[in-house]
Amino acid sequence: MLNLDNELKEILKSYFDTKNVKDIFITIKLTKQQAKVGTIKQFQVNRRYINNTNKDYFYKNEIEKIDIPKNTKNGAIFELKQKGNQCENGERGNLYVKVHIFGEKIVKIKI
């Protein structure tokens, strides 16, 4: 007979186990002007590190910068290798940065 309690626990553990998630996915916002001429964008990343002594993990907020080239399109994704989470085996995942371009508000003035 199957022990559904233990199977369910294992399924939930594997689904919600953030200790094994290597890559980080974030979205940054740019103005149309920033996307057109290019810019250096600074943003915050909450990155996981592994404590080598007991294999426990902790998170640390860090500042990253990305050089956005001119004429970047909405939805563009940039891959920053080895800038993701640290895994138990010491490997680092990648950081994926998606660009969202928003328009500047247009103010109509009646004359």
PDB file of N, CA and C in Angstrom:
ATOM      1  N   MET A   1       0.836  -1.187   0.000  1.00  0.00           N
ATOM      2  CA  MET A   1       0.000   0.000   0.000  1.00  0.00           C
ATOM      3  C   MET A   1       0.876   1.244   0.000  1.00  0.00           C
ATOM      4  N   LEU A   2       0.527   2.231  -0.781  1.00  0.00           N
ATOM      5  CA  LEU A   2       1.302   3.461  -0.886  1.00  0.00           C
ATOM      6  C   LEU A   2       1.034   4.383   0.290  1.00  0.00           C
ATOM      7  N   ASN A   3       2.058   5.040   0.723  1.00  0.00           N
ATOM      8  CA  ASN A   3       1.893   6.037   1.776  1.00  0.00           C
ATOM      9  C   ASN A   3       1.775   7.394   1.099  1.00  0.00           C
ATOM     10  N   LEU A   4       0.543   7.837   0.874  1.00  0.00           N
ATOM     11  CA  LEU A   4       0.304   9.078   0.135  1.00  0.00           C
ATOM     12  C   LEU A   4       0.811  10.300   0.877  1.00  0.00           C
ATOM     13  N   ASP A   5       0.801  10.258   2.200  1.00  0.00           N
ATOM     14  CA  ASP A   5       1.319  11.386   2.980  1.00  0.00           C
ATOM     15  C   ASP A   5       2.778  11.661   2.649  1.00  0.00           C
ATOM     16  N   ASN A   6       3.598  10.628   2.647  1.00  0.00           N
ATOM     17  CA  ASN A   6       5.025  10.794   2.361  1.00  0.00           C
ATOM     18  C   ASN A   6       5.256  11.188   0.907  1.00  0.00           C
ATOM     19  N   GLU A   7       4.485  10.603  -0.019  1.00  0.00           N
ATOM     20  CA  GLU A   7       4.631  10.964  -1.423  1.00  0.00           C
ATOM     21  C   GLU A   7       4.263  12.420  -1.660  1.00  0.00           C
ATOM     22  N   LEU A   8       3.176  12.858  -1.049  1.00  0.00           N
ATOM     23  CA  LEU A   8       2.755  14.247  -1.181  1.00  0.00           C
ATOM     24  C   LEU A   8       3.799  15.192  -0.597  1.00  0.00           C
ATOM     25  N   LYS A   9       4.367  14.837   0.548  1.00  0.00           N
ATOM     26  CA  LYS A   9       5.415  15.660   1.160  1.00  0.00           C
ATOM     27  C   LYS A   9       6.621  15.785   0.230  1.00  0.00           C
ATOM     28  N   GLU A  10       7.002  14.680  -0.398  1.00  0.00           N
ATOM     29  CA  GLU A  10       8.147  14.703  -1.312  1.00  0.00           C
ATOM     30  C   GLU A  10       7.861  15.550  -2.554  1.00  0.00           C
ATOM     31  N   ILE A  11       6.651  15.447  -3.073  1.00  0.00           N
ATOM     32  CA  ILE A  11       6.281  16.252  -4.244  1.00  0.00           C
ATOM     33  C   ILE A  11       6.309  17.733  -3.893  1.00  0.00           C
ATOM     34  N   LEU A  12       5.704  18.086  -2.759  1.00  0.00           N
ATOM     35  CA  LEU A  12       5.691  19.494  -2.339  1.00  0.00           C
ATOM     36  C   LEU A  12       7.095  19.990  -2.043  1.00  0.00           C
ATOM     37  N   LYS A  13       7.910  19.161  -1.421  1.00  0.00           N
ATOM     38  CA  LYS A  13       9.289  19.559  -1.114  1.00  0.00           C
ATOM     39  C   LYS A  13      10.069  19.843  -2.388  1.00  0.00           C
ATOM     40  N   SER A  14       9.929  18.964  -3.382  1.00  0.00           N
ATOM     41  CA  SER A  14      10.671  19.173  -4.633  1.00  0.00           C
ATOM     42  C   SER A  14      10.162  20.396  -5.383  1.00  0.00           C
ATOM     43  N   TYR A  15       8.866  20.668  -5.266  1.00  0.00           N
ATOM     44  CA  TYR A  15       8.281  21.813  -5.971  1.00  0.00           C
ATOM     45  C   TYR A  15       8.662  23.138  -5.317  1.00  0.00           C
ATOM     46  N   PHE A  16       8.704  23.165  -3.995  1.00  0.00           N
ATOM     47  CA  PHE A  16       8.957  24.413  -3.285  1.00  0.00           C
ATOM     48  C   PHE A  16      10.372  24.524  -2.728  1.00  0.00           C
ATOM     49  N   ASP A  17      11.248  23.586  -3.049  1.00  0.00           N
ATOM     50  CA  ASP A  17      12.607  23.601  -2.526  1.00  0.00           C
ATOM     51  C   ASP A  17      13.430  24.656  -3.249  1.00  0.00           C
ATOM     52  N   THR A  18      13.550  25.833  -2.644  1.00  0.00           N
ATOM     53  CA  THR A  18      14.288  26.929  -3.270  1.00  0.00           C
ATOM     54  C   THR A  18      15.795  26.747  -3.153  1.00  0.00           C
ATOM     55  N   LYS A  19      16.243  25.784  -2.387  1.00  0.00           N
ATOM     56  CA  LYS A  19      17.676  25.561  -2.224  1.00  0.00           C
ATOM     57  C   LYS A  19      18.334  25.108  -3.517  1.00  0.00           C
ATOM     58  N   ASN A  20      17.553  24.517  -4.432  1.00  0.00           N
ATOM     59  CA  ASN A  20      18.105  24.008  -5.681  1.00  0.00           C
ATOM     60  C   ASN A  20      17.826  24.889  -6.892  1.00  0.00           C
ATOM     61  N   VAL A  21      17.268  26.064  -6.678  1.00  0.00           N
ATOM     62  CA  VAL A  21      16.995  26.982  -7.788  1.00  0.00           C
ATOM     63  C   VAL A  21      18.256  27.803  -8.053  1.00  0.00           C
ATOM     64  N   LYS A  22      18.867  27.599  -9.213  1.00  0.00           N
ATOM     65  CA  LYS A  22      20.135  28.272  -9.520  1.00  0.00           C
ATOM     66  C   LYS A  22      19.947  29.637 -10.153  1.00  0.00           C
ATOM     67  N   ASP A  23      19.018  29.749 -11.081  1.00  0.00           N
ATOM     68  CA  ASP A  23      18.887  30.971 -11.861  1.00  0.00           C
ATOM     69  C   ASP A  23      17.941  31.964 -11.186  1.00  0.00           C
ATOM     70  N   ILE A  24      18.209  33.240 -11.445  1.00  0.00           N
ATOM     71  CA  ILE A  24      17.374  34.326 -10.940  1.00  0.00           C
ATOM     72  C   ILE A  24      16.801  35.050 -12.159  1.00  0.00           C
ATOM     73  N   PHE A  25      15.512  35.372 -12.110  1.00  0.00           N
ATOM     74  CA  PHE A  25      14.835  36.079 -13.192  1.00  0.00           C
ATOM     75  C   PHE A  25      14.250  37.367 -12.620  1.00  0.00           C
ATOM     76  N   ILE A  26      14.629  38.504 -13.209  1.00  0.00           N
ATOM     77  CA  ILE A  26      14.078  39.775 -12.763  1.00  0.00           C
ATOM     78  C   ILE A  26      13.677  40.607 -13.981  1.00  0.00           C
ATOM     79  N   THR A  27      12.860  41.625 -13.735  1.00  0.00           N
ATOM     80  CA  THR A  27      12.457  42.563 -14.773  1.00  0.00           C
ATOM     81  C   THR A  27      12.854  43.960 -14.332  1.00  0.00           C
ATOM     82  N   ILE A  28      13.452  44.719 -15.240  1.00  0.00           N
ATOM     83  CA  ILE A  28      13.775  46.111 -14.956  1.00  0.00           C
ATOM     84  C   ILE A  28      12.960  46.990 -15.902  1.00  0.00           C
ATOM     85  N   LYS A  29      12.668  48.195 -15.445  1.00  0.00           N
ATOM     86  CA  LYS A  29      11.885  49.131 -16.252  1.00  0.00           C
ATOM     87  C   LYS A  29      12.795  50.202 -16.828  1.00  0.00           C
ATOM     88  N   LEU A  30      12.533  50.533 -18.087  1.00  0.00           N
ATOM     89  CA  LEU A  30      13.269  51.592 -18.776  1.00  0.00           C
ATOM     90  C   LEU A  30      12.270  52.545 -19.416  1.00  0.00           C
ATOM     91  N   THR A  31      12.668  53.796 -19.555  1.00  0.00           N
ATOM     92  CA  THR A  31      11.876  54.724 -20.350  1.00  0.00           C
ATOM     93  C   THR A  31      12.186  54.471 -21.823  1.00  0.00           C
ATOM     94  N   LYS A  32      11.354  54.993 -22.681  1.00  0.00           N
ATOM     95  CA  LYS A  32      11.609  54.870 -24.120  1.00  0.00           C
ATOM     96  C   LYS A  32      12.942  55.519 -24.484  1.00  0.00           C
ATOM     97  N   GLN A  33      13.231  56.644 -23.851  1.00  0.00           N
ATOM     98  CA  GLN A  33      14.481  57.356 -24.126  1.00  0.00           C
ATOM     99  C   GLN A  33      15.693  56.525 -23.699  1.00  0.00           C
ATOM    100  N   GLN A  34      15.624  55.915 -22.513  1.00  0.00           N
ATOM    101  CA  GLN A  34      16.733  55.076 -22.052  1.00  0.00           C
ATOM    102  C   GLN A  34      16.960  53.909 -23.003  1.00  0.00           C
ATOM    103  N   ALA A  35      15.875  53.301 -23.474  1.00  0.00           N
ATOM    104  CA  ALA A  35      16.002  52.175 -24.399  1.00  0.00           C
ATOM    105  C   ALA A  35      16.567  52.627 -25.741  1.00  0.00           C
ATOM    106  N   LYS A  36      16.216  53.826 -26.159  1.00  0.00           N
ATOM    107  CA  LYS A  36      16.664  54.328 -27.466  1.00  0.00           C
ATOM    108  C   LYS A  36      18.155  54.672 -27.463  1.00  0.00           C
ATOM    109  N   VAL A  37      18.625  55.383 -26.436  1.00  0.00           N
ATOM    110  CA  VAL A  37      20.018  55.849 -26.424  1.00  0.00           C
ATOM    111  C   VAL A  37      20.952  54.926 -25.647  1.00  0.00           C
ATOM    112  N   GLY A  38      20.385  53.971 -24.878  1.00  0.00           N
ATOM    113  CA  GLY A  38      21.203  53.102 -24.050  1.00  0.00           C
ATOM    114  C   GLY A  38      21.463  53.737 -22.695  1.00  0.00           C
ATOM    115  N   THR A  39      21.726  52.918 -21.715  1.00  0.00           N
ATOM    116  CA  THR A  39      21.948  53.421 -20.363  1.00  0.00           C
ATOM    117  C   THR A  39      22.630  52.356 -19.518  1.00  0.00           C
ATOM    118  N   ILE A  40      23.113  52.756 -18.375  1.00  0.00           N
ATOM    119  CA  ILE A  40      23.593  51.808 -17.374  1.00  0.00           C
ATOM    120  C   ILE A  40      22.537  51.785 -16.284  1.00  0.00           C
ATOM    121  N   LYS A  41      21.968  50.625 -16.052  1.00  0.00           N
ATOM    122  CA  LYS A  41      20.875  50.485 -15.086  1.00  0.00           C
ATOM    123  C   LYS A  41      21.381  49.747 -13.854  1.00  0.00           C
ATOM    124  N   GLN A  42      21.079  50.302 -12.699  1.00  0.00           N
ATOM    125  CA  GLN A  42      21.446  49.688 -11.424  1.00  0.00           C
ATOM    126  C   GLN A  42      20.183  49.120 -10.787  1.00  0.00           C
ATOM    127  N   PHE A  43      20.273  47.919 -10.208  1.00  0.00           N
ATOM    128  CA  PHE A  43      19.115  47.270  -9.596  1.00  0.00           C
ATOM    129  C   PHE A  43      19.574  46.355  -8.468  1.00  0.00           C
ATOM    130  N   GLN A  44      18.630  45.938  -7.661  1.00  0.00           N
ATOM    131  CA  GLN A  44      18.928  45.111  -6.501  1.00  0.00           C
ATOM    132  C   GLN A  44      18.548  43.656  -6.777  1.00  0.00           C
ATOM    133  N   VAL A  45      19.406  42.731  -6.314  1.00  0.00           N
ATOM    134  CA  VAL A  45      19.176  41.298  -6.479  1.00  0.00           C
ATOM    135  C   VAL A  45      19.272  40.631  -5.111  1.00  0.00           C
ATOM    136  N   ASN A  46      18.294  39.799  -4.795  1.00  0.00           N
ATOM    137  CA  ASN A  46      18.330  39.017  -3.560  1.00  0.00           C
ATOM    138  C   ASN A  46      18.906  37.646  -3.907  1.00  0.00           C
ATOM    139  N   ARG A  47      20.197  37.448  -3.607  1.00  0.00           N
ATOM    140  CA  ARG A  47      20.955  36.293  -4.081  1.00  0.00           C
ATOM    141  C   ARG A  47      21.210  35.320  -2.926  1.00  0.00           C
ATOM    142  N   ARG A  48      21.110  34.013  -3.222  1.00  0.00           N
ATOM    143  CA  ARG A  48      21.342  32.983  -2.203  1.00  0.00           C
ATOM    144  C   ARG A  48      22.810  32.547  -2.179  1.00  0.00           C
ATOM    145  N   TYR A  49      23.323  32.378  -0.964  1.00  0.00           N
ATOM    146  CA  TYR A  49      24.663  31.868  -0.738  1.00  0.00           C
ATOM    147  C   TYR A  49      24.583  30.641   0.162  1.00  0.00           C
ATOM    148  N   ILE A  50      25.541  29.735   0.014  1.00  0.00           N
ATOM    149  CA  ILE A  50      25.591  28.521   0.826  1.00  0.00           C
ATOM    150  C   ILE A  50      26.686  28.682   1.870  1.00  0.00           C
ATOM    151  N   ASN A  51      26.343  28.377   3.122  1.00  0.00           N
ATOM    152  CA  ASN A  51      27.319  28.366   4.204  1.00  0.00           C
ATOM    153  C   ASN A  51      28.064  27.034   4.124  1.00  0.00           C
ATOM    154  N   ASN A  52      29.356  27.074   3.846  1.00  0.00           N
ATOM    155  CA  ASN A  52      30.133  25.856   3.582  1.00  0.00           C
ATOM    156  C   ASN A  52      30.259  24.938   4.788  1.00  0.00           C
ATOM    157  N   THR A  53      30.139  25.464   5.988  1.00  0.00           N
ATOM    158  CA  THR A  53      30.354  24.626   7.159  1.00  0.00           C
ATOM    159  C   THR A  53      29.208  23.655   7.417  1.00  0.00           C
ATOM    160  N   ASN A  54      27.957  24.103   7.208  1.00  0.00           N
ATOM    161  CA  ASN A  54      26.833  23.209   7.493  1.00  0.00           C
ATOM    162  C   ASN A  54      25.852  23.076   6.329  1.00  0.00           C
ATOM    163  N   LYS A  55      26.210  23.544   5.170  1.00  0.00           N
ATOM    164  CA  LYS A  55      25.393  23.460   3.951  1.00  0.00           C
ATOM    165  C   LYS A  55      24.050  24.184   4.095  1.00  0.00           C
ATOM    166  N   ASP A  56      23.936  25.045   5.082  1.00  0.00           N
ATOM    167  CA  ASP A  56      22.744  25.868   5.219  1.00  0.00           C
ATOM    168  C   ASP A  56      22.884  27.036   4.245  1.00  0.00           C
ATOM    169  N   TYR A  57      21.816  27.769   4.013  1.00  0.00           N
ATOM    170  CA  TYR A  57      21.900  28.868   3.069  1.00  0.00           C
ATOM    171  C   TYR A  57      21.286  30.136   3.650  1.00  0.00           C
ATOM    172  N   PHE A  58      21.693  31.254   3.059  1.00  0.00           N
ATOM    173  CA  PHE A  58      21.170  32.553   3.459  1.00  0.00           C
ATOM    174  C   PHE A  58      21.073  33.424   2.213  1.00  0.00           C
ATOM    175  N   TYR A  59      20.279  34.487   2.311  1.00  0.00           N
ATOM    176  CA  TYR A  59      20.087  35.405   1.194  1.00  0.00           C
ATOM    177  C   TYR A  59      20.702  36.757   1.525  1.00  0.00           C
ATOM    178  N   LYS A  60      21.209  37.413   0.504  1.00  0.00           N
ATOM    179  CA  LYS A  60      21.838  38.714   0.679  1.00  0.00           C
ATOM    180  C   LYS A  60      21.391  39.624  -0.469  1.00  0.00           C
ATOM    181  N   ASN A  61      20.916  40.830  -0.124  1.00  0.00           N
ATOM    182  CA  ASN A  61      20.564  41.817  -1.147  1.00  0.00           C
ATOM    183  C   ASN A  61      21.833  42.487  -1.650  1.00  0.00           C
ATOM    184  N   GLU A  62      22.001  42.491  -2.956  1.00  0.00           N
ATOM    185  CA  GLU A  62      23.193  43.081  -3.560  1.00  0.00           C
ATOM    186  C   GLU A  62      22.802  43.960  -4.735  1.00  0.00           C
ATOM    187  N   ILE A  63      23.647  44.905  -5.046  1.00  0.00           N
ATOM    188  CA  ILE A  63      23.432  45.821  -6.162  1.00  0.00           C
ATOM    189  C   ILE A  63      24.183  45.291  -7.383  1.00  0.00           C
ATOM    190  N   GLU A  64      23.477  45.231  -8.501  1.00  0.00           N
ATOM    191  CA  GLU A  64      24.067  44.849  -9.786  1.00  0.00           C
ATOM    192  C   GLU A  64      23.892  46.008 -10.760  1.00  0.00           C
ATOM    193  N   LYS A  65      24.734  46.042 -11.769  1.00  0.00           N
ATOM    194  CA  LYS A  65      24.620  47.019 -12.853  1.00  0.00           C
ATOM    195  C   LYS A  65      24.619  46.273 -14.177  1.00  0.00           C
ATOM    196  N   ILE A  66      23.859  46.822 -15.121  1.00  0.00           N
ATOM    197  CA  ILE A  66      23.841  46.233 -16.458  1.00  0.00           C
ATOM    198  C   ILE A  66      23.920  47.379 -17.467  1.00  0.00           C
ATOM    199  N   ASP A  67      24.712  47.161 -18.483  1.00  0.00           N
ATOM    200  CA  ASP A  67      24.862  48.136 -19.563  1.00  0.00           C
ATOM    201  C   ASP A  67      23.832  47.805 -20.640  1.00  0.00           C
ATOM    202  N   ILE A  68      22.822  48.649 -20.749  1.00  0.00           N
ATOM    203  CA  ILE A  68      21.761  48.450 -21.736  1.00  0.00           C
ATOM    204  C   ILE A  68      22.190  49.129 -23.043  1.00  0.00           C
ATOM    205  N   PRO A  69      22.329  48.366 -24.120  1.00  0.00           N
ATOM    206  CA  PRO A  69      22.742  48.981 -25.393  1.00  0.00           C
ATOM    207  C   PRO A  69      21.620  49.819 -26.007  1.00  0.00           C
ATOM    208  N   LYS A  70      22.006  50.738 -26.875  1.00  0.00           N
ATOM    209  CA  LYS A  70      20.985  51.566 -27.520  1.00  0.00           C
ATOM    210  C   LYS A  70      20.102  50.709 -28.409  1.00  0.00           C
ATOM    211  N   ASN A  71      18.867  51.225 -28.610  1.00  0.00           N
ATOM    212  CA  ASN A  71      17.840  50.563 -29.418  1.00  0.00           C
ATOM    213  C   ASN A  71      17.416  49.196 -28.866  1.00  0.00           C
ATOM    214  N   THR A  72      17.433  49.067 -27.534  1.00  0.00           N
ATOM    215  CA  THR A  72      16.961  47.841 -26.891  1.00  0.00           C
ATOM    216  C   THR A  72      15.440  47.759 -27.018  1.00  0.00           C
ATOM    217  N   LYS A  73      14.944  46.614 -27.347  1.00  0.00           N
ATOM    218  CA  LYS A  73      13.509  46.397 -27.560  1.00  0.00           C
ATOM    219  C   LYS A  73      12.830  45.934 -26.275  1.00  0.00           C
ATOM    220  N   ASN A  74      11.530  46.244 -26.177  1.00  0.00           N
ATOM    221  CA  ASN A  74      10.726  45.788 -25.050  1.00  0.00           C
ATOM    222  C   ASN A  74      10.706  44.256 -25.035  1.00  0.00           C
ATOM    223  N   GLY A  75      10.934  43.657 -23.874  1.00  0.00           N
ATOM    224  CA  GLY A  75      10.947  42.204 -23.743  1.00  0.00           C
ATOM    225  C   GLY A  75      12.308  41.573 -23.944  1.00  0.00           C
ATOM    226  N   ALA A  76      13.332  42.377 -24.275  1.00  0.00           N
ATOM    227  CA  ALA A  76      14.681  41.837 -24.449  1.00  0.00           C
ATOM    228  C   ALA A  76      15.149  41.207 -23.133  1.00  0.00           C
ATOM    229  N   ILE A  77      15.868  40.095 -23.235  1.00  0.00           N
ATOM    230  CA  ILE A  77      16.375  39.397 -22.056  1.00  0.00           C
ATOM    231  C   ILE A  77      17.892  39.317 -22.164  1.00  0.00           C
ATOM    232  N   PHE A  78      18.547  39.749 -21.086  1.00  0.00           N
ATOM    233  CA  PHE A  78      20.009  39.699 -21.009  1.00  0.00           C
ATOM    234  C   PHE A  78      20.407  38.631 -20.000  1.00  0.00           C
ATOM    235  N   GLU A  79      21.410  37.833 -20.350  1.00  0.00           N
ATOM    236  CA  GLU A  79      21.901  36.774 -19.478  1.00  0.00           C
ATOM    237  C   GLU A  79      23.228  37.202 -18.871  1.00  0.00           C
ATOM    238  N   LEU A  80      23.283  37.226 -17.546  1.00  0.00           N
ATOM    239  CA  LEU A  80      24.522  37.523 -16.835  1.00  0.00           C
ATOM    240  C   LEU A  80      24.997  36.213 -16.207  1.00  0.00           C
ATOM    241  N   LYS A  81      25.998  35.618 -16.837  1.00  0.00           N
ATOM    242  CA  LYS A  81      26.475  34.306 -16.399  1.00  0.00           C
ATOM    243  C   LYS A  81      27.134  34.386 -15.022  1.00  0.00           C
ATOM    244  N   GLN A  82      26.895  33.340 -14.250  1.00  0.00           N
ATOM    245  CA  GLN A  82      27.480  33.178 -12.912  1.00  0.00           C
ATOM    246  C   GLN A  82      27.069  34.279 -11.927  1.00  0.00           C
ATOM    247  N   LYS A  83      25.929  34.939 -12.173  1.00  0.00           N
ATOM    248  CA  LYS A  83      25.447  35.997 -11.277  1.00  0.00           C
ATOM    249  C   LYS A  83      24.166  35.572 -10.554  1.00  0.00           C
ATOM    250  N   GLY A  84      23.837  34.274 -10.613  1.00  0.00           N
ATOM    251  CA  GLY A  84      22.628  33.773  -9.973  1.00  0.00           C
ATOM    252  C   GLY A  84      22.895  33.252  -8.577  1.00  0.00           C
ATOM    253  N   ASN A  85      22.049  32.339  -8.130  1.00  0.00           N
ATOM    254  CA  ASN A  85      22.167  31.750  -6.798  1.00  0.00           C
ATOM    255  C   ASN A  85      23.293  30.736  -6.745  1.00  0.00           C
ATOM    256  N   GLN A  86      23.816  30.546  -5.542  1.00  0.00           N
ATOM    257  CA  GLN A  86      24.831  29.531  -5.311  1.00  0.00           C
ATOM    258  C   GLN A  86      24.137  28.250  -4.863  1.00  0.00           C
ATOM    259  N   CYS A  87      24.567  27.112  -5.398  1.00  0.00           N
ATOM    260  CA  CYS A  87      23.997  25.819  -5.035  1.00  0.00           C
ATOM    261  C   CYS A  87      24.904  25.111  -4.033  1.00  0.00           C
ATOM    262  N   GLU A  88      24.403  24.007  -3.475  1.00  0.00           N
ATOM    263  CA  GLU A  88      25.169  23.259  -2.475  1.00  0.00           C
ATOM    264  C   GLU A  88      26.514  22.784  -3.011  1.00  0.00           C
ATOM    265  N   ASN A  89      26.588  22.469  -4.293  1.00  0.00           N
ATOM    266  CA  ASN A  89      27.851  21.987  -4.861  1.00  0.00           C
ATOM    267  C   ASN A  89      28.797  23.139  -5.231  1.00  0.00           C
ATOM    268  N   GLY A  90      28.384  24.383  -4.925  1.00  0.00           N
ATOM    269  CA  GLY A  90      29.242  25.538  -5.183  1.00  0.00           C
ATOM    270  C   GLY A  90      28.987  26.215  -6.520  1.00  0.00           C
ATOM    271  N   GLU A  91      28.268  25.541  -7.407  1.00  0.00           N
ATOM    272  CA  GLU A  91      27.978  26.143  -8.708  1.00  0.00           C
ATOM    273  C   GLU A  91      27.094  27.370  -8.551  1.00  0.00           C
ATOM    274  N   ARG A  92      27.243  28.288  -9.500  1.00  0.00           N
ATOM    275  CA  ARG A  92      26.393  29.474  -9.533  1.00  0.00           C
ATOM    276  C   ARG A  92      25.518  29.428 -10.766  1.00  0.00           C
ATOM    277  N   GLY A  93      24.287  29.861 -10.580  1.00  0.00           N
ATOM    278  CA  GLY A  93      23.376  29.968 -11.706  1.00  0.00           C
ATOM    279  C   GLY A  93      23.582  31.284 -12.432  1.00  0.00           C
ATOM    280  N   ASN A  94      22.688  31.573 -13.345  1.00  0.00           N
ATOM    281  CA  ASN A  94      22.751  32.803 -14.127  1.00  0.00           C
ATOM    282  C   ASN A  94      21.667  33.766 -13.673  1.00  0.00           C
ATOM    283  N   LEU A  95      21.870  35.026 -13.988  1.00  0.00           N
ATOM    284  CA  LEU A  95      20.891  36.067 -13.719  1.00  0.00           C
ATOM    285  C   LEU A  95      20.314  36.494 -15.067  1.00  0.00           C
ATOM    286  N   TYR A  96      18.988  36.416 -15.203  1.00  0.00           N
ATOM    287  CA  TYR A  96      18.320  36.815 -16.435  1.00  0.00           C
ATOM    288  C   TYR A  96      17.557  38.106 -16.168  1.00  0.00           C
ATOM    289  N   VAL A  97      17.856  39.120 -16.964  1.00  0.00           N
ATOM    290  CA  VAL A  97      17.259  40.441 -16.785  1.00  0.00           C
ATOM    291  C   VAL A  97      16.380  40.730 -17.997  1.00  0.00           C
ATOM    292  N   LYS A  98      15.076  40.871 -17.751  1.00  0.00           N
ATOM    293  CA  LYS A  98      14.124  41.186 -18.814  1.00  0.00           C
ATOM    294  C   LYS A  98      13.829  42.678 -18.772  1.00  0.00           C
ATOM    295  N   VAL A  99      13.755  43.298 -19.940  1.00  0.00           N
ATOM    296  CA  VAL A  99      13.516  44.738 -20.053  1.00  0.00           C
ATOM    297  C   VAL A  99      12.043  45.009 -20.315  1.00  0.00           C
ATOM    298  N   HIS A 100      11.490  45.903 -19.520  1.00  0.00           N
ATOM    299  CA  HIS A 100      10.125  46.387 -19.738  1.00  0.00           C
ATOM    300  C   HIS A 100      10.216  47.890 -19.997  1.00  0.00           C
ATOM    301  N   ILE A 101       9.790  48.325 -21.176  1.00  0.00           N
ATOM    302  CA  ILE A 101       9.862  49.742 -21.544  1.00  0.00           C
ATOM    303  C   ILE A 101       8.486  50.360 -21.324  1.00  0.00           C
ATOM    304  N   PHE A 102       8.470  51.441 -20.565  1.00  0.00           N
ATOM    305  CA  PHE A 102       7.199  52.131 -20.359  1.00  0.00           C
ATOM    306  C   PHE A 102       7.296  53.525 -20.944  1.00  0.00           C
ATOM    307  N   GLY A 103       6.158  54.038 -21.417  1.00  0.00           N
ATOM    308  CA  GLY A 103       6.126  55.358 -22.045  1.00  0.00           C
ATOM    309  C   GLY A 103       6.083  56.463 -21.012  1.00  0.00           C
ATOM    310  N   GLU A 104       6.567  57.596 -21.414  1.00  0.00           N
ATOM    311  CA  GLU A 104       6.499  58.757 -20.542  1.00  0.00           C
ATOM    312  C   GLU A 104       5.115  59.379 -20.677  1.00  0.00           C
ATOM    313  N   LYS A 105       4.635  59.885 -19.590  1.00  0.00           N
ATOM    314  CA  LYS A 105       3.292  60.463 -19.570  1.00  0.00           C
ATOM    315  C   LYS A 105       3.260  61.735 -20.419  1.00  0.00           C
ATOM    316  N   ILE A 106       2.266  61.824 -21.269  1.00  0.00           N
ATOM    317  CA  ILE A 106       2.110  62.991 -22.126  1.00  0.00           C
ATOM    318  C   ILE A 106       1.069  63.910 -21.489  1.00  0.00           C
ATOM    319  N   VAL A 107       1.441  65.159 -21.304  1.00  0.00           N
ATOM    320  CA  VAL A 107       0.545  66.129 -20.700  1.00  0.00           C
ATOM    321  C   VAL A 107       0.012  67.013 -21.820  1.00  0.00           C
ATOM    322  N   LYS A 108      -1.321  67.062 -21.956  1.00  0.00           N
ATOM    323  CA  LYS A 108      -1.944  67.923 -22.973  1.00  0.00           C
ATOM    324  C   LYS A 108      -2.278  69.264 -22.347  1.00  0.00           C
ATOM    325  N   ILE A 109      -1.897  70.296 -23.017  1.00  0.00           N
ATOM    326  CA  ILE A 109      -2.170  71.655 -22.539  1.00  0.00           C
ATOM    327  C   ILE A 109      -3.118  72.336 -23.521  1.00  0.00           C
ATOM    328  N   LYS A 110      -4.232  72.842 -22.996  1.00  0.00           N
ATOM    329  CA  LYS A 110      -5.183  73.556 -23.851  1.00  0.00           C
ATOM    330  C   LYS A 110      -4.757  75.014 -23.953  1.00  0.00           C
ATOM    331  N   ILE A 111      -4.780  75.542 -25.160  1.00  0.00           N
ATOM    332  CA  ILE A 111      -4.400  76.942 -25.369  1.00  0.00           C
ATOM    333  C   ILE A 111      -5.602  77.711 -25.845  1.00  0.00           C
TER     334      ILE A 111
END
